[in-house]
């Protein structure tokens, strides 16, 4: 290779590396090919997180997609957790997972039989429809979750029976800032 072709080769090689790297750089953080798991719930630390023991993937920690339940120490957090426990105990639970969150939990749409667990939690007033993630839901889920929250609010069901319940995302933000939470 002579001195005139060396810079061209170097630029071409650099361009090829850049083109190979760009799709990885533009990938959504935490996204991965979707997969489905079915198994037995071994633990649920709160109202929107479960551990599923599966035959093929072992123990998988799952964060629900579309619902956000009260954080530990918030009003209704134990009620939401206990309700979820009652729904999943002894039941085969199926999760369709599509990304990993910052805590390395799989983010999934979760069902027991044909029952959408997020929808159930929202309908019973044990959680909020997490609108900030609505683009990750089907149109059917967006409509159902929004309507369920509105109905629970209107009927003052669950956490909506208390005046001005603090959404968990606000609670987390205040707690992170070291401020007092209600």
N, C-alpha and C. Protein backbone atom coordinates (compact mmCIF):
# COMPACT_ATOMS: atom_id res chain seq x y z
N UNK A 1 0.85 -1.17 0.00
CA UNK A 1 0.00 0.00 0.00
C UNK A 1 0.90 1.23 0.00
N UNK A 2 0.69 2.14 -0.96
CA UNK A 2 1.53 3.33 -1.01
C UNK A 2 0.94 4.44 -0.15
N UNK A 3 1.67 5.53 -0.06
CA UNK A 3 1.28 6.63 0.83
C UNK A 3 0.01 7.35 0.37
N UNK A 4 -0.39 7.24 -0.88
CA UNK A 4 -1.62 7.91 -1.34
C UNK A 4 -2.87 7.08 -1.03
N UNK A 5 -2.76 5.77 -0.98
CA UNK A 5 -3.94 4.94 -0.69
C UNK A 5 -4.16 4.71 0.80
N UNK A 6 -3.11 4.90 1.59
CA UNK A 6 -3.22 4.69 3.03
C UNK A 6 -4.28 5.60 3.67
N UNK A 7 -4.32 6.91 3.41
CA UNK A 7 -5.36 7.76 4.01
C UNK A 7 -6.76 7.36 3.55
N UNK A 8 -6.92 6.97 2.30
CA UNK A 8 -8.23 6.56 1.80
C UNK A 8 -8.69 5.31 2.53
N UNK A 9 -7.79 4.34 2.69
CA UNK A 9 -8.10 3.12 3.40
C UNK A 9 -8.50 3.42 4.84
N UNK A 10 -7.74 4.29 5.49
CA UNK A 10 -8.01 4.65 6.88
C UNK A 10 -9.38 5.31 7.00
N UNK A 11 -9.73 6.22 6.10
CA UNK A 11 -11.03 6.90 6.14
C UNK A 11 -12.16 5.92 5.85
N UNK A 12 -11.94 5.02 4.90
CA UNK A 12 -12.96 4.03 4.56
C UNK A 12 -13.20 3.09 5.74
N UNK A 13 -12.12 2.66 6.36
CA UNK A 13 -12.23 1.79 7.53
C UNK A 13 -12.98 2.50 8.66
N UNK A 14 -12.63 3.76 8.92
CA UNK A 14 -13.30 4.54 9.96
C UNK A 14 -14.77 4.71 9.67
N UNK A 15 -15.11 4.95 8.42
CA UNK A 15 -16.51 5.11 8.02
C UNK A 15 -17.27 3.81 8.25
N UNK A 16 -16.67 2.68 7.90
CA UNK A 16 -17.31 1.38 8.11
C UNK A 16 -17.57 1.14 9.60
N UNK A 17 -16.60 1.44 10.44
CA UNK A 17 -16.79 1.28 11.89
C UNK A 17 -17.92 2.17 12.40
N UNK A 18 -17.96 3.38 11.92
CA UNK A 18 -19.02 4.31 12.32
C UNK A 18 -20.38 3.77 11.91
N UNK A 19 -20.50 3.26 10.69
CA UNK A 19 -21.77 2.73 10.22
C UNK A 19 -22.21 1.50 11.00
N UNK A 20 -21.26 0.71 11.45
CA UNK A 20 -21.59 -0.45 12.28
C UNK A 20 -21.98 -0.03 13.69
N UNK A 21 -21.41 1.04 14.20
CA UNK A 21 -21.65 1.50 15.55
C UNK A 21 -22.97 2.27 15.68
N UNK A 22 -23.38 3.01 14.64
CA UNK A 22 -24.57 3.87 14.73
C UNK A 22 -25.83 3.15 15.19
N UNK A 23 -26.19 2.00 14.64
CA UNK A 23 -27.41 1.35 15.14
C UNK A 23 -27.34 1.04 16.63
N UNK A 24 -26.19 0.67 17.13
CA UNK A 24 -26.04 0.40 18.56
C UNK A 24 -26.17 1.68 19.37
N UNK A 25 -25.62 2.77 18.87
CA UNK A 25 -25.68 4.04 19.59
C UNK A 25 -27.09 4.58 19.64
N UNK A 26 -27.89 4.30 18.61
CA UNK A 26 -29.26 4.81 18.56
C UNK A 26 -30.26 3.87 19.22
N UNK A 27 -29.84 2.71 19.64
CA UNK A 27 -30.75 1.77 20.28
C UNK A 27 -31.27 2.37 21.58
N UNK A 28 -32.53 2.13 21.85
CA UNK A 28 -33.14 2.63 23.06
C UNK A 28 -32.51 1.93 24.26
N UNK A 29 -32.08 2.67 25.28
CA UNK A 29 -31.44 2.03 26.44
C UNK A 29 -32.37 0.98 27.06
N UNK A 30 -31.84 -0.20 27.26
CA UNK A 30 -32.61 -1.25 27.90
C UNK A 30 -33.49 -2.08 26.99
N UNK A 31 -33.70 -1.63 25.75
CA UNK A 31 -34.55 -2.39 24.84
C UNK A 31 -33.87 -3.68 24.43
N UNK A 32 -34.67 -4.70 24.21
CA UNK A 32 -34.16 -5.97 23.72
C UNK A 32 -35.27 -6.67 22.97
N UNK A 33 -34.95 -7.72 22.23
CA UNK A 33 -36.02 -8.45 21.54
C UNK A 33 -37.05 -8.96 22.56
N UNK A 34 -38.33 -8.79 22.27
CA UNK A 34 -39.34 -9.23 23.22
C UNK A 34 -39.33 -10.75 23.40
N UNK A 35 -39.73 -11.18 24.59
CA UNK A 35 -39.87 -12.60 24.86
C UNK A 35 -41.02 -12.79 25.85
N UNK A 36 -41.54 -13.99 25.89
CA UNK A 36 -42.63 -14.32 26.79
C UNK A 36 -42.17 -15.37 27.78
N UNK A 37 -42.58 -15.19 29.02
CA UNK A 37 -42.26 -16.18 30.05
C UNK A 37 -43.55 -16.57 30.76
N UNK A 38 -43.56 -17.78 31.27
CA UNK A 38 -44.66 -18.25 32.09
C UNK A 38 -44.06 -18.99 33.26
N UNK A 39 -44.62 -18.74 34.43
CA UNK A 39 -44.09 -19.41 35.61
C UNK A 39 -44.91 -19.10 36.84
N UNK A 40 -44.29 -19.36 37.97
CA UNK A 40 -44.93 -19.17 39.26
C UNK A 40 -44.31 -17.97 39.95
N UNK A 41 -45.15 -17.11 40.49
CA UNK A 41 -44.66 -15.94 41.23
C UNK A 41 -44.18 -16.41 42.60
N UNK A 42 -42.93 -16.08 42.91
CA UNK A 42 -42.35 -16.48 44.19
C UNK A 42 -42.35 -15.35 45.22
N UNK A 43 -42.48 -14.11 44.72
CA UNK A 43 -42.40 -12.96 45.63
C UNK A 43 -42.92 -11.73 44.89
N UNK A 44 -43.58 -10.84 45.60
CA UNK A 44 -43.88 -9.52 45.07
C UNK A 44 -43.61 -8.48 46.15
N UNK A 45 -42.50 -7.76 45.99
CA UNK A 45 -42.10 -6.80 47.02
C UNK A 45 -43.03 -5.58 47.12
N UNK A 46 -43.77 -5.31 46.05
CA UNK A 46 -44.70 -4.19 46.06
C UNK A 46 -45.84 -4.49 45.09
N UNK A 47 -46.62 -3.49 44.75
CA UNK A 47 -47.80 -3.72 43.92
C UNK A 47 -47.56 -3.82 42.44
N UNK A 48 -46.35 -3.52 41.97
CA UNK A 48 -46.11 -3.57 40.52
C UNK A 48 -44.80 -4.26 40.15
N UNK A 49 -44.30 -5.09 41.06
CA UNK A 49 -43.08 -5.85 40.80
C UNK A 49 -43.29 -7.27 41.32
N UNK A 50 -42.91 -8.25 40.49
CA UNK A 50 -43.01 -9.65 40.90
C UNK A 50 -41.76 -10.41 40.47
N UNK A 51 -41.49 -11.50 41.16
CA UNK A 51 -40.44 -12.43 40.75
C UNK A 51 -41.14 -13.67 40.23
N UNK A 52 -40.83 -14.05 38.98
CA UNK A 52 -41.44 -15.23 38.37
C UNK A 52 -40.37 -16.30 38.19
N UNK A 53 -40.63 -17.47 38.74
CA UNK A 53 -39.75 -18.62 38.55
C UNK A 53 -40.19 -19.34 37.28
N UNK A 54 -39.27 -19.40 36.31
CA UNK A 54 -39.59 -20.02 35.03
C UNK A 54 -38.69 -21.24 34.81
N UNK A 55 -39.15 -22.13 33.94
CA UNK A 55 -38.37 -23.32 33.62
C UNK A 55 -37.18 -22.98 32.74
N UNK A 56 -37.36 -22.06 31.80
CA UNK A 56 -36.29 -21.80 30.82
C UNK A 56 -35.37 -20.64 31.17
N UNK A 57 -35.80 -19.66 31.94
CA UNK A 57 -34.97 -18.49 32.25
C UNK A 57 -34.63 -18.36 33.73
N UNK A 58 -35.09 -19.28 34.54
CA UNK A 58 -34.83 -19.19 35.97
C UNK A 58 -35.73 -18.13 36.61
N UNK A 59 -35.22 -17.45 37.62
CA UNK A 59 -35.97 -16.42 38.33
C UNK A 59 -35.85 -15.09 37.58
N UNK A 60 -36.99 -14.50 37.25
CA UNK A 60 -37.01 -13.24 36.50
C UNK A 60 -37.76 -12.20 37.32
N UNK A 61 -37.11 -11.07 37.60
CA UNK A 61 -37.78 -9.96 38.28
C UNK A 61 -38.47 -9.11 37.22
N UNK A 62 -39.77 -8.88 37.42
CA UNK A 62 -40.62 -8.21 36.44
C UNK A 62 -41.22 -6.95 37.03
N UNK A 63 -41.12 -5.87 36.29
CA UNK A 63 -41.78 -4.59 36.61
C UNK A 63 -42.93 -4.43 35.62
N UNK A 64 -44.12 -4.15 36.13
CA UNK A 64 -45.29 -4.04 35.27
C UNK A 64 -45.19 -2.83 34.35
N UNK A 65 -45.67 -3.00 33.15
CA UNK A 65 -45.72 -1.91 32.17
C UNK A 65 -47.13 -1.33 32.17
N UNK A 66 -47.23 -0.04 32.38
CA UNK A 66 -48.53 0.62 32.26
C UNK A 66 -49.18 1.02 33.56
N UNK A 67 -48.76 0.48 34.68
CA UNK A 67 -49.33 0.84 35.97
C UNK A 67 -48.21 1.19 36.94
N UNK A 68 -48.47 2.12 37.81
CA UNK A 68 -47.51 2.50 38.84
C UNK A 68 -48.26 2.54 40.16
N UNK A 69 -47.87 1.67 41.08
CA UNK A 69 -48.56 1.59 42.36
C UNK A 69 -47.77 2.39 43.42
N UNK A 70 -48.40 2.68 44.55
CA UNK A 70 -47.71 3.46 45.58
C UNK A 70 -46.39 2.84 46.02
N UNK A 71 -45.45 3.71 46.32
CA UNK A 71 -44.14 3.29 46.81
C UNK A 71 -44.25 2.85 48.27
N UNK A 72 -43.28 2.06 48.71
CA UNK A 72 -43.23 1.65 50.11
C UNK A 72 -43.31 2.90 50.99
N UNK A 73 -44.15 2.85 52.00
CA UNK A 73 -44.40 3.93 52.95
C UNK A 73 -45.50 4.88 52.48
N UNK A 74 -45.95 4.77 51.24
CA UNK A 74 -47.07 5.59 50.80
C UNK A 74 -48.39 4.91 51.19
N UNK A 75 -49.44 5.72 51.30
CA UNK A 75 -50.77 5.16 51.55
C UNK A 75 -51.10 4.16 50.44
N UNK A 76 -51.67 3.06 50.81
CA UNK A 76 -52.13 2.00 49.91
C UNK A 76 -51.03 1.12 49.32
N UNK A 77 -49.77 1.30 49.70
CA UNK A 77 -48.75 0.45 49.10
C UNK A 77 -48.93 -1.01 49.54
N UNK A 78 -49.24 -1.22 50.83
CA UNK A 78 -49.43 -2.59 51.31
C UNK A 78 -50.71 -3.20 50.75
N UNK A 79 -51.74 -2.39 50.61
CA UNK A 79 -53.00 -2.88 50.05
C UNK A 79 -52.77 -3.34 48.60
N UNK A 80 -52.04 -2.54 47.82
CA UNK A 80 -51.73 -2.91 46.43
C UNK A 80 -50.89 -4.18 46.38
N UNK A 81 -49.88 -4.25 47.22
CA UNK A 81 -49.02 -5.45 47.26
C UNK A 81 -49.83 -6.68 47.65
N UNK A 82 -50.64 -6.57 48.68
CA UNK A 82 -51.42 -7.72 49.15
C UNK A 82 -52.47 -8.15 48.12
N UNK A 83 -53.05 -7.20 47.43
CA UNK A 83 -54.01 -7.54 46.38
C UNK A 83 -53.31 -8.30 45.26
N UNK A 84 -52.16 -7.82 44.86
CA UNK A 84 -51.39 -8.51 43.82
C UNK A 84 -51.01 -9.92 44.27
N UNK A 85 -50.62 -10.07 45.52
CA UNK A 85 -50.29 -11.39 46.06
C UNK A 85 -51.48 -12.33 45.91
N UNK A 86 -52.67 -11.84 46.25
CA UNK A 86 -53.88 -12.66 46.14
C UNK A 86 -54.16 -13.06 44.69
N UNK A 87 -53.86 -12.16 43.75
CA UNK A 87 -54.11 -12.46 42.33
C UNK A 87 -53.18 -13.53 41.78
N UNK A 88 -51.92 -13.53 42.22
CA UNK A 88 -50.92 -14.40 41.59
C UNK A 88 -50.61 -15.68 42.36
N UNK A 89 -50.98 -15.74 43.63
CA UNK A 89 -50.64 -16.92 44.43
C UNK A 89 -51.26 -18.18 43.84
N UNK A 90 -50.38 -19.15 43.55
CA UNK A 90 -50.83 -20.43 43.01
C UNK A 90 -51.25 -20.40 41.55
N UNK A 91 -51.05 -19.27 40.88
CA UNK A 91 -51.48 -19.13 39.49
C UNK A 91 -50.29 -19.11 38.54
N UNK A 92 -50.45 -19.73 37.38
CA UNK A 92 -49.45 -19.59 36.33
C UNK A 92 -49.56 -18.15 35.83
N UNK A 93 -48.45 -17.45 35.83
CA UNK A 93 -48.41 -16.05 35.44
C UNK A 93 -47.58 -15.93 34.17
N UNK A 94 -48.10 -15.16 33.22
CA UNK A 94 -47.42 -14.97 31.94
C UNK A 94 -47.03 -13.51 31.79
N UNK A 95 -45.82 -13.28 31.33
CA UNK A 95 -45.32 -11.92 31.12
C UNK A 95 -44.71 -11.83 29.73
N UNK A 96 -45.07 -10.78 29.02
CA UNK A 96 -44.48 -10.47 27.72
C UNK A 96 -43.53 -9.30 27.97
N UNK A 97 -42.23 -9.58 27.89
CA UNK A 97 -41.20 -8.62 28.30
C UNK A 97 -40.52 -8.02 27.07
N UNK A 98 -40.19 -6.72 27.14
CA UNK A 98 -39.64 -6.04 25.97
C UNK A 98 -38.48 -5.09 26.26
N UNK A 99 -38.19 -4.83 27.52
CA UNK A 99 -37.04 -3.99 27.85
C UNK A 99 -36.64 -4.23 29.29
N UNK A 100 -35.50 -3.68 29.66
CA UNK A 100 -35.00 -3.75 31.02
C UNK A 100 -34.96 -2.33 31.57
N UNK A 101 -35.40 -2.14 32.81
CA UNK A 101 -35.37 -0.79 33.39
C UNK A 101 -34.02 -0.53 34.07
N UNK A 102 -33.87 0.65 34.67
CA UNK A 102 -32.58 1.03 35.25
C UNK A 102 -32.20 0.19 36.46
N UNK A 103 -33.16 -0.56 37.00
CA UNK A 103 -32.87 -1.46 38.13
C UNK A 103 -32.67 -2.90 37.65
N UNK A 104 -32.53 -3.07 36.35
CA UNK A 104 -32.32 -4.37 35.70
C UNK A 104 -33.49 -5.33 35.86
N UNK A 105 -34.70 -4.77 36.03
CA UNK A 105 -35.92 -5.58 36.03
C UNK A 105 -36.43 -5.64 34.60
N UNK A 106 -37.05 -6.76 34.24
CA UNK A 106 -37.70 -6.85 32.94
C UNK A 106 -39.00 -6.06 33.02
N UNK A 107 -39.27 -5.22 32.03
CA UNK A 107 -40.52 -4.47 31.97
C UNK A 107 -41.45 -5.28 31.07
N UNK A 108 -42.64 -5.61 31.61
CA UNK A 108 -43.49 -6.59 30.93
C UNK A 108 -44.97 -6.27 31.08
N UNK A 109 -45.74 -6.79 30.13
CA UNK A 109 -47.20 -6.84 30.23
C UNK A 109 -47.49 -8.18 30.90
N UNK A 110 -48.26 -8.18 31.98
CA UNK A 110 -48.41 -9.37 32.81
C UNK A 110 -49.87 -9.80 32.90
N UNK A 111 -50.08 -11.12 32.78
CA UNK A 111 -51.43 -11.70 32.85
C UNK A 111 -51.43 -12.95 33.70
N UNK A 112 -52.58 -13.17 34.32
CA UNK A 112 -52.91 -14.46 34.91
C UNK A 112 -54.13 -14.91 34.12
N UNK A 113 -53.97 -15.96 33.34
CA UNK A 113 -55.03 -16.36 32.41
C UNK A 113 -55.25 -15.23 31.42
N UNK A 114 -56.48 -14.75 31.33
CA UNK A 114 -56.76 -13.62 30.42
C UNK A 114 -56.83 -12.29 31.16
N UNK A 115 -56.55 -12.31 32.47
CA UNK A 115 -56.65 -11.10 33.29
C UNK A 115 -55.38 -10.26 33.20
N UNK A 116 -55.52 -9.03 32.74
CA UNK A 116 -54.43 -8.06 32.67
C UNK A 116 -54.24 -7.50 34.09
N UNK A 117 -53.10 -7.79 34.71
CA UNK A 117 -52.90 -7.40 36.10
C UNK A 117 -52.79 -5.89 36.28
N UNK A 118 -52.20 -5.19 35.32
CA UNK A 118 -52.13 -3.71 35.42
C UNK A 118 -53.53 -3.12 35.42
N UNK A 119 -54.36 -3.59 34.49
CA UNK A 119 -55.72 -3.08 34.41
C UNK A 119 -56.46 -3.34 35.71
N UNK A 120 -56.30 -4.52 36.28
CA UNK A 120 -56.96 -4.85 37.54
C UNK A 120 -56.53 -3.89 38.65
N UNK A 121 -55.24 -3.64 38.78
CA UNK A 121 -54.75 -2.74 39.83
C UNK A 121 -55.30 -1.33 39.65
N UNK A 122 -55.35 -0.86 38.42
CA UNK A 122 -55.86 0.50 38.15
C UNK A 122 -57.36 0.56 38.43
N UNK A 123 -58.11 -0.46 37.98
CA UNK A 123 -59.56 -0.49 38.20
C UNK A 123 -59.92 -0.46 39.68
N UNK A 124 -59.14 -1.14 40.49
CA UNK A 124 -59.44 -1.24 41.92
C UNK A 124 -58.89 -0.06 42.72
N UNK A 125 -58.27 0.89 42.02
CA UNK A 125 -57.76 2.08 42.70
C UNK A 125 -56.48 1.82 43.47
N UNK A 126 -55.70 0.83 43.05
CA UNK A 126 -54.44 0.52 43.72
C UNK A 126 -53.24 1.04 42.95
N UNK A 127 -53.48 1.74 41.86
CA UNK A 127 -52.38 2.27 41.08
C UNK A 127 -52.86 3.30 40.07
N UNK A 128 -51.90 3.98 39.52
CA UNK A 128 -52.12 4.98 38.49
C UNK A 128 -51.83 4.38 37.12
N UNK A 129 -52.48 4.89 36.12
CA UNK A 129 -52.10 4.57 34.74
C UNK A 129 -50.83 5.37 34.48
N UNK A 130 -49.74 4.70 34.17
CA UNK A 130 -48.44 5.34 33.95
C UNK A 130 -48.39 5.90 32.53
N UNK A 131 -49.03 7.04 32.32
CA UNK A 131 -49.16 7.64 30.99
C UNK A 131 -47.81 7.96 30.34
N UNK A 132 -46.79 8.18 31.16
CA UNK A 132 -45.48 8.51 30.60
C UNK A 132 -44.90 7.36 29.78
N UNK A 133 -45.47 6.17 29.92
CA UNK A 133 -45.02 5.01 29.16
C UNK A 133 -46.10 4.52 28.19
N UNK A 134 -47.07 5.37 27.90
CA UNK A 134 -48.20 4.95 27.07
C UNK A 134 -47.77 4.50 25.67
N UNK A 135 -46.67 5.04 25.15
CA UNK A 135 -46.21 4.64 23.81
C UNK A 135 -45.79 3.17 23.77
N UNK A 136 -45.57 2.58 24.95
CA UNK A 136 -45.17 1.18 25.03
C UNK A 136 -46.37 0.25 25.15
N UNK A 137 -47.57 0.82 25.12
CA UNK A 137 -48.81 0.04 25.27
C UNK A 137 -49.57 0.03 23.95
N UNK A 138 -50.43 -0.95 23.80
CA UNK A 138 -51.30 -0.98 22.63
C UNK A 138 -52.37 0.10 22.80
N UNK A 139 -53.01 0.47 21.73
CA UNK A 139 -54.10 1.46 21.79
C UNK A 139 -55.19 0.95 22.72
N UNK A 140 -55.48 -0.34 22.64
CA UNK A 140 -56.50 -0.94 23.51
C UNK A 140 -56.13 -0.78 24.99
N UNK A 141 -54.87 -1.01 25.33
CA UNK A 141 -54.42 -0.86 26.71
C UNK A 141 -54.49 0.61 27.14
N UNK A 142 -54.07 1.52 26.28
CA UNK A 142 -54.11 2.94 26.62
C UNK A 142 -55.53 3.37 26.96
N UNK A 143 -56.48 2.99 26.13
CA UNK A 143 -57.88 3.36 26.35
C UNK A 143 -58.41 2.71 27.63
N UNK A 144 -58.16 1.42 27.80
CA UNK A 144 -58.67 0.69 28.98
C UNK A 144 -58.06 1.23 30.27
N UNK A 145 -56.75 1.48 30.29
CA UNK A 145 -56.09 1.96 31.51
C UNK A 145 -56.57 3.37 31.85
N UNK A 146 -56.69 4.22 30.84
CA UNK A 146 -57.17 5.59 31.08
C UNK A 146 -58.59 5.61 31.61
N UNK A 147 -59.46 4.79 31.02
CA UNK A 147 -60.86 4.72 31.45
C UNK A 147 -60.96 4.13 32.86
N UNK A 148 -60.14 3.13 33.15
CA UNK A 148 -60.17 2.50 34.48
C UNK A 148 -59.75 3.49 35.55
N UNK A 149 -58.70 4.27 35.28
CA UNK A 149 -58.27 5.26 36.27
C UNK A 149 -59.35 6.32 36.47
N UNK A 150 -59.92 6.79 35.40
CA UNK A 150 -60.97 7.81 35.50
C UNK A 150 -62.16 7.31 36.31
N UNK A 151 -62.56 6.08 36.06
CA UNK A 151 -63.69 5.51 36.81
C UNK A 151 -63.35 5.33 38.28
N UNK A 152 -62.15 4.85 38.59
CA UNK A 152 -61.74 4.69 39.99
C UNK A 152 -61.70 6.06 40.69
N UNK A 153 -61.19 7.06 39.99
CA UNK A 153 -61.15 8.42 40.57
C UNK A 153 -62.56 8.92 40.85
N UNK A 154 -63.43 8.80 39.85
CA UNK A 154 -64.81 9.29 39.96
C UNK A 154 -65.55 8.60 41.10
N UNK A 155 -65.37 7.30 41.23
CA UNK A 155 -66.06 6.53 42.26
C UNK A 155 -65.33 6.54 43.60
N UNK A 156 -64.15 7.19 43.62
CA UNK A 156 -63.34 7.30 44.83
C UNK A 156 -63.01 5.93 45.41
N UNK A 157 -62.53 5.05 44.52
CA UNK A 157 -62.18 3.68 44.88
C UNK A 157 -60.71 3.64 45.30
N UNK A 158 -60.41 2.83 46.31
CA UNK A 158 -59.03 2.61 46.72
C UNK A 158 -58.33 3.90 47.12
N UNK A 159 -57.15 4.13 46.55
CA UNK A 159 -56.36 5.30 46.92
C UNK A 159 -57.04 6.60 46.55
N UNK A 160 -58.03 6.54 45.66
CA UNK A 160 -58.76 7.75 45.28
C UNK A 160 -59.75 8.16 46.37
N UNK A 161 -59.90 7.35 47.42
CA UNK A 161 -60.78 7.71 48.53
C UNK A 161 -60.10 8.71 49.47
N UNK A 162 -58.79 8.86 49.35
CA UNK A 162 -58.09 9.84 50.18
C UNK A 162 -57.92 11.13 49.38
N UNK A 163 -57.89 12.27 50.06
CA UNK A 163 -57.75 13.54 49.33
C UNK A 163 -56.37 13.66 48.68
N UNK A 164 -56.37 13.97 47.42
CA UNK A 164 -55.16 14.28 46.67
C UNK A 164 -54.01 13.29 46.87
N UNK A 165 -54.19 12.03 46.48
CA UNK A 165 -53.10 11.06 46.65
C UNK A 165 -51.89 11.44 45.79
N UNK A 166 -50.71 11.28 46.37
CA UNK A 166 -49.48 11.65 45.66
C UNK A 166 -49.06 10.52 44.73
N UNK A 167 -48.91 10.82 43.43
CA UNK A 167 -48.45 9.79 42.50
C UNK A 167 -47.05 9.30 42.88
N UNK A 168 -46.77 8.03 42.67
CA UNK A 168 -45.48 7.48 43.08
C UNK A 168 -44.28 8.14 42.39
N UNK A 169 -44.44 8.61 41.15
CA UNK A 169 -43.32 9.27 40.47
C UNK A 169 -42.99 10.59 41.14
N UNK A 170 -43.98 11.30 41.72
CA UNK A 170 -43.70 12.52 42.48
C UNK A 170 -43.04 12.17 43.82
N UNK A 171 -43.53 11.11 44.46
CA UNK A 171 -42.96 10.63 45.71
C UNK A 171 -41.48 10.29 45.53
N UNK A 172 -41.17 9.55 44.45
CA UNK A 172 -39.77 9.18 44.20
C UNK A 172 -38.89 10.40 43.96
N UNK A 173 -39.42 11.36 43.23
CA UNK A 173 -38.68 12.59 42.94
C UNK A 173 -38.37 13.37 44.22
N UNK A 174 -39.37 13.52 45.08
CA UNK A 174 -39.16 14.23 46.35
C UNK A 174 -38.20 13.48 47.26
N UNK A 175 -38.36 12.16 47.33
CA UNK A 175 -37.49 11.35 48.18
C UNK A 175 -36.04 11.45 47.70
N UNK A 176 -35.85 11.41 46.39
CA UNK A 176 -34.50 11.52 45.82
C UNK A 176 -33.86 12.87 46.15
N UNK A 177 -34.70 13.91 46.20
CA UNK A 177 -34.22 15.26 46.52
C UNK A 177 -34.08 15.47 48.02
N UNK A 178 -34.43 14.46 48.82
CA UNK A 178 -34.31 14.57 50.27
C UNK A 178 -35.41 15.40 50.90
N UNK A 179 -36.51 15.59 50.18
CA UNK A 179 -37.61 16.40 50.70
C UNK A 179 -38.65 15.52 51.39
N UNK A 180 -39.48 16.16 52.17
CA UNK A 180 -40.55 15.47 52.90
C UNK A 180 -41.61 14.97 51.92
N UNK A 181 -42.03 13.74 52.10
CA UNK A 181 -43.09 13.16 51.26
C UNK A 181 -44.32 12.95 52.11
N UNK A 182 -45.46 13.06 51.47
CA UNK A 182 -46.71 12.81 52.21
C UNK A 182 -47.26 11.47 51.84
